[in-house]
């Protein structure tokens, strides 16, 4: 899987496959099928030196596809609570991955669908080494329904 900027990655088959369009040869190549990771759908999150990063649903876990195969990066296992879930990948840099995660807000006024959204970062050596921890870089002060978040 060359990362030379001459490929375009996209989702096809109603979200069930990740494809690569090779600009020079004008050929499509199926890179990943959702069923390969036991998922219903996949979405491409980005390309890095380590491979193609994609998420699988409904599991909502981050994977990498490269010459060695497909690996579950288990980013969800590093979130601070069992109640949190990966919301999205914001940016992939040469050093790390910025992402968003959410959890249900439980406070004085419990409102259906009230969420807290956090921004976080993990260095690539920690993400691909599967031993490092993520760092929260933004902690919300107000929930999605407007409730003031207090420190516990």
Protein backbone atom coordinates (compact mmCIF):
# COMPACT_ATOMS: atom_id res chain seq x y z
CA UNK A 1 0.00 0.00 0.00
CA UNK A 2 2.01 2.95 -1.20
CA UNK A 3 1.55 6.23 0.67
CA UNK A 4 2.89 8.42 -2.15
CA UNK A 5 -0.11 10.72 -2.51
CA UNK A 6 -1.15 9.07 -5.77
CA UNK A 7 -4.00 7.08 -4.26
CA UNK A 8 -7.50 8.06 -3.20
CA UNK A 9 -9.29 6.09 -0.47
CA UNK A 10 -13.07 5.91 -0.29
CA UNK A 11 -15.98 3.87 1.06
CA UNK A 12 -18.20 1.86 -1.28
CA UNK A 13 -20.76 -0.96 -1.31
CA UNK A 14 -23.07 1.01 1.00
CA UNK A 15 -20.36 1.37 3.63
CA UNK A 16 -19.29 -2.25 3.57
CA UNK A 17 -15.94 -1.83 1.77
CA UNK A 18 -12.93 0.48 1.78
CA UNK A 19 -11.43 1.03 -1.68
CA UNK A 20 -8.28 2.58 -3.07
CA UNK A 21 -8.33 4.32 -6.45
CA UNK A 22 -4.83 4.32 -7.96
CA UNK A 23 -4.58 7.57 -9.90
CA UNK A 24 -1.70 6.51 -12.17
CA UNK A 25 -3.20 3.20 -13.26
CA UNK A 26 -6.84 4.35 -12.96
CA UNK A 27 -7.70 1.12 -11.17
CA UNK A 28 -9.82 0.47 -8.09
CA UNK A 29 -8.65 -1.93 -5.42
CA UNK A 30 -10.78 -3.25 -2.57
CA UNK A 31 -8.64 -2.76 0.57
CA UNK A 32 -10.96 -3.89 3.38
CA UNK A 33 -14.38 -5.50 3.63
CA UNK A 34 -16.36 -4.89 6.80
CA UNK A 35 -16.88 -8.62 7.30
CA UNK A 36 -13.08 -9.08 7.59
CA UNK A 37 -13.25 -7.38 11.00
CA UNK A 38 -16.70 -8.68 11.95
CA UNK A 39 -18.37 -5.35 11.22
CA UNK A 40 -21.41 -4.16 9.31
CA UNK A 41 -19.80 -0.97 7.99
CA UNK A 42 -16.42 0.74 7.79
CA UNK A 43 -15.32 4.33 7.37
CA UNK A 44 -11.90 5.61 6.35
CA UNK A 45 -10.34 7.93 8.93
CA UNK A 46 -7.00 8.73 7.32
CA UNK A 47 -3.70 7.65 5.89
CA UNK A 48 -0.40 7.62 7.73
CA UNK A 49 3.03 6.06 7.37
CA UNK A 50 1.72 3.12 9.40
CA UNK A 51 -1.13 2.36 7.01
CA UNK A 52 -4.78 3.17 6.37
CA UNK A 53 -6.72 4.01 9.53
CA UNK A 54 -10.39 3.05 9.50
CA UNK A 55 -13.22 2.53 11.96
CA UNK A 56 -15.59 -0.45 12.04
CA UNK A 57 -19.24 -0.23 13.09
CA UNK A 58 -21.22 -0.99 15.19
CA UNK A 59 -18.14 -1.90 17.25
CA UNK A 60 -16.80 1.65 16.69
CA UNK A 61 -13.17 0.63 17.00
CA UNK A 62 -10.10 1.99 15.20
CA UNK A 63 -8.11 -0.34 12.92
CA UNK A 64 -5.03 -0.04 10.72
CA UNK A 65 -4.54 -1.85 7.41
CA UNK A 66 -0.99 -2.18 6.10
CA UNK A 67 1.30 -4.70 4.41
CA UNK A 68 1.25 -6.84 7.57
CA UNK A 69 -2.54 -7.12 7.56
CA UNK A 70 -5.32 -5.60 9.68
CA UNK A 71 -4.81 -4.72 13.36
CA UNK A 72 -7.33 -3.53 15.93
CA UNK A 73 -5.64 -0.59 17.68
CA UNK A 74 -7.98 -0.92 20.69
CA UNK A 75 -8.19 2.83 21.21
CA UNK A 76 -11.53 2.40 23.00
CA UNK A 77 -9.80 0.34 25.70
CA UNK A 78 -7.74 3.40 26.65
CA UNK A 79 -10.67 5.74 27.21
CA UNK A 80 -11.00 6.77 30.87
CA UNK A 81 -14.33 5.03 31.57
CA UNK A 82 -16.28 2.06 30.28
CA UNK A 83 -19.12 4.50 29.53
CA UNK A 84 -17.07 6.44 26.95
CA UNK A 85 -16.99 5.77 23.21
CA UNK A 86 -14.88 6.93 20.29
CA UNK A 87 -16.62 9.74 18.44
CA UNK A 88 -14.23 10.59 15.63
CA UNK A 89 -10.70 11.09 14.40
CA UNK A 90 -9.94 14.81 14.06
CA UNK A 91 -6.41 14.77 12.67
CA UNK A 92 -3.51 12.43 12.03
CA UNK A 93 -0.07 14.00 12.24
CA UNK A 94 3.38 12.49 11.82
CA UNK A 95 3.60 12.21 15.63
CA UNK A 96 0.11 11.32 16.79
CA UNK A 97 -3.65 11.18 16.43
CA UNK A 98 -6.14 13.77 17.68
CA UNK A 99 -9.58 12.36 18.36
CA UNK A 100 -12.89 13.00 20.08
CA UNK A 101 -14.73 10.77 22.51
CA UNK A 102 -18.06 11.10 24.30
CA UNK A 103 -19.81 9.85 27.37
CA UNK A 104 -23.28 10.29 28.78
CA UNK A 105 -23.56 13.18 31.23
CA UNK A 106 -25.04 12.19 34.56
CA UNK A 107 -25.57 15.18 36.80
CA UNK A 108 -28.20 16.89 38.89
CA UNK A 109 -30.59 17.18 35.95
CA UNK A 110 -30.42 13.98 33.94
CA UNK A 111 -31.63 14.61 30.40
CA UNK A 112 -32.00 11.92 27.75
CA UNK A 113 -29.18 12.24 25.22
CA UNK A 114 -27.15 14.70 27.30
CA UNK A 115 -23.49 14.11 26.43
CA UNK A 116 -20.01 15.27 27.31
CA UNK A 117 -17.52 15.54 24.45
CA UNK A 118 -13.78 15.42 25.05
CA UNK A 119 -10.86 16.09 22.74
CA UNK A 120 -7.84 13.85 23.22
CA UNK A 121 -4.47 12.97 21.72
CA UNK A 122 -2.35 9.84 21.58
CA UNK A 123 1.19 9.63 20.27
CA UNK A 124 1.66 7.15 17.44
CA UNK A 125 4.26 5.11 19.31
CA UNK A 126 1.70 4.67 22.10
CA UNK A 127 -1.20 3.93 19.73
CA UNK A 128 0.66 1.38 17.63
CA UNK A 129 2.59 0.00 20.62
CA UNK A 130 -0.77 -0.59 22.33
CA UNK A 131 0.72 0.21 25.72
CA UNK A 132 0.53 3.98 25.97
CA UNK A 133 -2.18 6.17 27.32
CA UNK A 134 -4.10 8.95 25.65
CA UNK A 135 -4.07 12.51 26.93
CA UNK A 136 -7.24 14.56 27.34
CA UNK A 137 -6.62 18.01 25.85
CA UNK A 138 -10.11 19.46 26.31
CA UNK A 139 -12.55 18.71 29.11
CA UNK A 140 -16.06 20.15 28.70
CA UNK A 141 -17.47 22.59 31.24
CA UNK A 142 -21.01 22.44 29.83
CA UNK A 143 -22.91 19.34 28.64
CA UNK A 144 -24.63 19.12 25.26
CA UNK A 145 -27.94 20.02 26.94
CA UNK A 146 -26.46 23.07 28.68
CA UNK A 147 -25.88 21.60 32.13
CA UNK A 148 -22.87 22.99 34.01
CA UNK A 149 -20.32 20.24 34.55
CA UNK A 150 -18.85 20.15 38.04
CA UNK A 151 -15.61 18.46 39.01
CA UNK A 152 -16.17 15.23 40.92
